[in-house]
Amino acid sequence: MNILTLYFSGTGNTEFIARLFSGEMNARCFSIEADMDFSALIKSSDMIAFCYPVYGSRVPRIMREFAAKYMSDINGKKIVIFVTQMIFSGDGARVFTDMFWDGAVRVVYAEHFNMPNNIGNILIFRKPSEKSVMSKQRKAEAKMKRVCRDIREGITKKRGFSRFSQMLGSLQGKAWQGDSREITPSATSIESKIKSNVRIHEQCNNCGLCVKICPMKNLLRDGTNVISQAGNCIACYRCVNRCPHRAITVWIHLRPRWQYNFKV
């Protein structure tokens, strides 16, 4: 079977999961940020695994926009959905299917993976210890082996597709995005407000790393300053976690006490 893995990863957790699956299943694996002919890749694949971190029990906007762009190529395909979450995300995997007409895709497996917290500027979220990171990594590896065994044997499981999961997911999801069937967030949603809510603090030395790594091209260098001009932030926290001077914040403007970047 020709399997394709497509992922978006803000700080490395989801890339780790995508590469685990691809290694087990001998699948081609690409970030959706890569410069590739994705239409040709999708058309030539029998099964596609979509991997993304859950934001507010919803699919990140960058992945929604990707799915919308290649929807005609994805329609009719067998798909696997893997999501990464901090603790629990309700129907974080199921909501991916809301963008498609009923029956347009066949979900053969959906699973949630608990991964380390990557938010270092909200006081209630503690820095993950090296021991906890390694523990979650080992648990993810063991779970992925079971998942791949199921897929090879034709066993279908759909985490997050129950009514209870949908109910719990909607509690966060409506506030975060609005209607999960829409690609563009509602004007009153948290996701919409975050777009232009990036702050560059005085500790910035204009090194330009954030400009280079931003998946949405939301940041640019303006003379001796880095500015957020595009109004296109998705709160992936990549810049927050990678800035060498901890000089960037998104939405909540407390400078991070610690930074996280999973080494794949």
Protein backbone atom coordinates (compact mmCIF):
# COMPACT_ATOMS: atom_id res chain seq x y z
CA MET A 1 0.00 0.00 0.00
CA ASN A 2 1.24 3.47 -0.92
CA ILE A 3 0.95 5.57 2.27
CA LEU A 4 1.58 9.30 2.61
CA THR A 5 2.03 11.15 5.91
CA LEU A 6 1.35 14.89 5.98
CA TYR A 7 1.89 16.86 9.16
CA PHE A 8 2.01 20.28 10.74
CA SER A 9 4.11 20.61 13.87
CA GLY A 10 4.63 23.82 15.82
CA THR A 11 7.36 22.73 18.19
CA GLY A 12 8.15 19.12 17.32
CA ASN A 13 5.60 16.94 19.12
CA THR A 14 3.51 16.20 16.06
CA GLU A 15 6.53 15.71 13.82
CA PHE A 16 7.68 13.03 16.24
CA ILE A 17 4.33 11.21 15.91
CA ALA A 18 4.29 11.59 12.12
CA ARG A 19 7.76 10.11 11.80
CA LEU A 20 6.93 7.25 14.17
CA PHE A 21 4.01 6.26 11.96
CA SER A 22 5.96 6.69 8.75
CA GLY A 23 8.83 4.57 10.03
CA GLU A 24 6.49 1.76 11.11
CA MET A 25 4.44 1.82 7.91
CA ASN A 26 7.18 2.67 5.39
CA ALA A 27 5.27 5.81 4.42
CA ARG A 28 6.49 8.95 2.71
CA CYS A 29 6.48 11.79 5.25
CA PHE A 30 6.32 15.54 4.60
CA SER A 31 5.56 18.71 6.51
CA ILE A 32 2.78 20.68 4.84
CA GLU A 33 5.20 23.63 4.94
CA ALA A 34 7.51 21.88 2.46
CA ASP A 35 7.81 23.03 -1.15
CA MET A 36 6.28 19.95 -2.77
CA ASP A 37 3.78 19.02 -5.45
CA PHE A 38 1.24 17.92 -2.87
CA SER A 39 -1.48 17.38 -5.44
CA ALA A 40 0.61 14.74 -7.19
CA LEU A 41 1.67 13.16 -3.89
CA ILE A 42 -1.93 12.87 -2.69
CA LYS A 43 -3.25 11.53 -5.98
CA SER A 44 -0.58 8.81 -6.03
CA SER A 45 -1.35 7.62 -2.49
CA ASP A 46 -3.79 4.93 -1.36
CA MET A 47 -3.89 6.14 2.24
CA ILE A 48 -3.04 9.51 3.78
CA ALA A 49 -2.20 10.16 7.42
CA PHE A 50 -2.90 13.70 8.59
CA CYS A 51 -1.07 14.72 11.78
CA TYR A 52 -1.54 17.97 13.68
CA PRO A 53 -1.58 19.47 17.19
CA VAL A 54 -5.01 20.26 18.61
CA TYR A 55 -5.69 23.92 19.36
CA GLY A 56 -8.82 24.50 21.44
CA SER A 57 -10.16 21.09 20.34
CA ARG A 58 -9.88 22.23 16.74
CA VAL A 59 -7.68 21.67 13.69
CA PRO A 60 -5.02 24.41 13.34
CA ARG A 61 -5.94 26.92 10.67
CA ILE A 62 -2.82 26.13 8.64
CA MET A 63 -3.95 22.50 8.32
CA ARG A 64 -7.54 23.53 7.53
CA GLU A 65 -6.30 25.78 4.75
CA PHE A 66 -4.09 23.00 3.40
CA ALA A 67 -7.01 20.53 3.41
CA ALA A 68 -9.23 23.07 1.65
CA LYS A 69 -6.59 23.70 -1.03
CA TYR A 70 -6.25 20.00 -1.84
CA MET A 71 -9.77 18.89 -1.01
CA SER A 72 -10.57 17.59 -4.49
CA ASP A 73 -7.44 15.42 -4.37
CA ILE A 74 -8.21 14.14 -0.85
CA ASN A 75 -11.84 13.25 -1.61
CA GLY A 76 -12.30 9.51 -1.98
CA LYS A 77 -9.11 8.63 -0.10
CA LYS A 78 -8.66 6.44 2.96
CA ILE A 79 -7.32 8.63 5.74
CA VAL A 80 -5.72 8.24 9.15
CA ILE A 81 -5.86 11.09 11.65
CA PHE A 82 -3.32 11.54 14.44
CA VAL A 83 -3.51 14.47 16.81
CA THR A 84 -1.25 15.57 19.64
CA GLN A 85 -2.72 17.03 22.80
CA MET A 86 -1.58 18.10 26.24
CA ILE A 87 -4.20 16.18 28.23
CA PHE A 88 -7.57 15.79 26.50
CA SER A 89 -9.07 17.37 23.40
CA GLY A 90 -12.52 15.85 23.05
CA ASP A 91 -13.04 15.28 19.33
CA GLY A 92 -9.78 16.82 18.13
CA ALA A 93 -9.33 14.12 15.50
CA ARG A 94 -12.96 13.93 14.37
CA VAL A 95 -13.27 17.65 13.57
CA PHE A 96 -10.89 17.22 10.64
CA THR A 97 -13.70 15.41 8.82
CA ASP A 98 -16.12 18.33 9.29
CA MET A 99 -14.48 20.10 6.35
CA PHE A 100 -15.56 17.32 3.95
CA TRP A 101 -18.93 16.20 2.64
CA ASP A 102 -20.30 13.10 4.35
CA GLY A 103 -18.64 10.05 2.82
CA ALA A 104 -16.03 12.08 0.92
CA VAL A 105 -13.24 10.48 2.92
CA ARG A 106 -13.05 7.13 4.67
CA VAL A 107 -11.45 7.34 8.10
CA VAL A 108 -9.71 4.03 8.78
CA TYR A 109 -8.11 5.12 12.05
CA ALA A 110 -8.04 8.11 14.40
CA GLU A 111 -5.94 8.43 17.54
CA HIS A 112 -4.92 11.05 20.10
CA PHE A 113 -1.42 11.15 21.59
CA ASN A 114 -0.62 12.90 24.86
CA MET A 115 2.60 14.85 24.45
CA PRO A 116 4.57 17.29 26.65
CA ASN A 117 3.28 20.80 27.29
CA ASN A 118 4.97 23.47 25.17
CA ILE A 119 3.41 26.59 26.72
CA GLY A 120 5.92 28.25 29.03
CA ASN A 121 4.24 31.55 29.83
CA ILE A 122 0.99 30.44 31.46
CA LEU A 123 1.51 29.88 35.15
CA ILE A 124 -0.78 26.85 35.50
CA PHE A 125 1.30 24.91 32.95
CA ARG A 126 4.49 23.56 34.46
CA LYS A 127 7.70 22.89 32.60
CA PRO A 128 7.85 19.21 31.64
CA SER A 129 10.76 17.41 33.23
CA GLU A 130 13.16 15.38 31.13
CA LYS A 131 11.74 12.28 32.81
CA SER A 132 8.16 13.14 31.85
CA VAL A 133 9.17 13.95 28.28
CA MET A 134 10.91 10.59 27.94
CA SER A 135 7.94 8.81 29.54
CA LYS A 136 5.47 10.34 27.09
CA GLN A 137 7.80 9.55 24.23
CA ARG A 138 7.98 5.87 25.22
CA LYS A 139 4.20 5.67 25.67
CA ALA A 140 3.69 7.26 22.26
CA GLU A 141 6.08 4.77 20.66
CA ALA A 142 4.25 1.83 22.26
CA LYS A 143 0.86 3.18 21.26
CA MET A 144 1.99 3.76 17.69
CA LYS A 145 3.15 0.16 17.39
CA ARG A 146 -0.33 -0.98 18.47
CA VAL A 147 -1.98 1.45 16.07
CA CYS A 148 0.10 0.28 13.11
CA ARG A 149 -0.60 -3.35 13.98
CA ASP A 150 -4.32 -2.58 13.95
CA ILE A 151 -4.09 -0.82 10.60
CA ARG A 152 -2.19 -3.71 9.03
CA GLU A 153 -4.84 -6.13 10.33
CA GLY A 154 -7.69 -3.98 9.02
CA ILE A 155 -8.93 -2.97 12.47
CA THR A 156 -10.63 0.43 12.55
CA LYS A 157 -10.69 2.62 15.66
CA LYS A 158 -11.81 6.22 15.81
CA ARG A 159 -10.78 8.10 18.93
CA GLY A 160 -12.85 11.21 19.54
CA PHE A 161 -15.78 10.21 17.33
CA SER A 162 -18.26 9.46 20.13
CA ARG A 163 -21.07 11.86 21.02
CA PHE A 164 -19.50 12.40 24.44
CA SER A 165 -16.19 13.41 22.85
CA GLN A 166 -17.99 15.74 20.45
CA MET A 167 -19.84 17.38 23.34
CA LEU A 168 -16.63 17.98 25.29
CA GLY A 169 -14.77 19.20 22.21
CA SER A 170 -17.46 21.71 21.33
CA LEU A 171 -17.11 23.39 24.72
CA GLN A 172 -13.66 24.64 23.73
CA GLY A 173 -14.00 24.52 19.98
CA LYS A 174 -16.81 27.01 19.54
CA ALA A 175 -14.95 29.62 21.55
CA TRP A 176 -11.65 28.90 19.80
CA GLN A 177 -12.76 28.74 16.17
CA GLY A 178 -16.51 28.90 15.83
CA ASP A 179 -18.05 26.51 13.30
CA SER A 180 -15.66 23.58 12.72
CA ARG A 181 -17.03 23.18 9.18
CA GLU A 182 -15.61 26.56 8.19
CA ILE A 183 -12.00 27.16 7.16
CA THR A 184 -12.02 30.79 8.31
CA PRO A 185 -12.61 31.37 12.05
CA SER A 186 -15.56 33.46 13.17
CA ALA A 187 -14.80 37.14 13.79
CA THR A 188 -15.53 36.78 17.52
CA SER A 189 -13.43 33.64 18.04
CA ILE A 190 -10.20 33.44 20.03
CA GLU A 191 -8.44 32.19 16.90
CA SER A 192 -9.48 35.30 14.99
CA LYS A 193 -8.35 37.64 17.78
CA ILE A 194 -4.97 35.91 18.00
CA LYS A 195 -4.14 36.66 14.36
CA SER A 196 -2.89 40.16 15.14
CA ASN A 197 -2.03 39.65 18.79
CA VAL A 198 1.74 39.14 18.61
CA ARG A 199 4.09 41.30 20.65
CA ILE A 200 7.82 41.79 20.11
CA HIS A 201 9.44 42.83 23.39
CA GLU A 202 12.40 45.13 23.89
CA GLN A 203 14.74 42.16 24.43
CA CYS A 204 14.57 41.42 20.68
CA ASN A 205 17.97 41.85 18.97
CA ASN A 206 16.61 41.52 15.42
CA CYS A 207 18.37 38.20 14.76
CA GLY A 208 15.60 37.23 12.32
CA LEU A 209 15.18 33.62 13.47
CA CYS A 210 11.47 34.10 14.12
CA VAL A 211 10.99 35.54 10.63
CA LYS A 212 12.65 32.48 9.13
CA ILE A 213 10.73 29.84 11.09
CA CYS A 214 7.21 31.33 11.20
CA PRO A 215 4.94 28.90 9.28
CA MET A 216 2.50 31.67 8.37
CA LYS A 217 5.04 34.30 7.23
CA ASN A 218 3.51 36.55 9.85
CA LEU A 219 6.75 38.25 10.93
CA LEU A 220 9.18 40.41 9.00
CA ARG A 221 12.26 42.52 9.59
CA ASP A 222 11.74 46.25 9.27
CA GLY A 223 15.12 47.90 9.51
CA THR A 224 16.36 47.26 13.04
CA ASN A 225 13.08 45.78 14.25
CA VAL A 226 11.03 42.63 13.83
CA ILE A 227 7.36 43.39 13.37
CA SER A 228 4.15 41.41 13.11
CA GLN A 229 2.49 42.84 10.06
CA ALA A 230 0.57 40.11 8.26
CA GLY A 231 -2.08 39.56 10.96
CA ASN A 232 -1.81 35.85 10.30
CA CYS A 233 -0.64 34.26 13.57
CA ILE A 234 -2.03 30.82 14.50
CA ALA A 235 -0.46 30.60 18.00
CA CYS A 236 1.72 27.60 17.16
CA TYR A 237 4.23 28.91 19.74
CA ARG A 238 7.20 28.10 17.51
CA CYS A 239 8.63 31.61 17.71
CA VAL A 240 7.86 31.87 21.43
CA ASN A 241 9.80 28.67 22.11
CA ARG A 242 12.68 29.29 19.72
CA CYS A 243 13.48 32.99 20.28
CA PRO A 244 16.95 33.09 21.91
CA HIS A 245 15.96 36.09 24.02
CA ARG A 246 12.39 35.04 24.85
CA ALA A 247 11.30 38.29 23.27
CA ILE A 248 8.07 37.20 21.56
CA THR A 249 4.66 36.56 23.05
CA VAL A 250 1.33 35.62 21.51
CA TRP A 251 -2.09 36.41 22.95
CA ILE A 252 -0.96 36.17 26.57
CA HIS A 253 1.87 38.65 26.93
CA LEU A 254 3.87 37.20 29.77
CA ARG A 255 7.40 36.38 28.66
CA PRO A 256 8.05 32.63 28.82
CA ARG A 257 9.71 31.32 31.98
CA TRP A 258 11.01 28.36 29.96
CA GLN A 259 11.00 27.17 26.37
CA TYR A 260 10.18 23.85 24.75
CA ASN A 261 11.34 22.33 21.49
CA PHE A 262 11.05 18.60 20.95
CA LYS A 263 14.13 17.22 19.25
CA VAL A 264 13.01 14.70 16.64
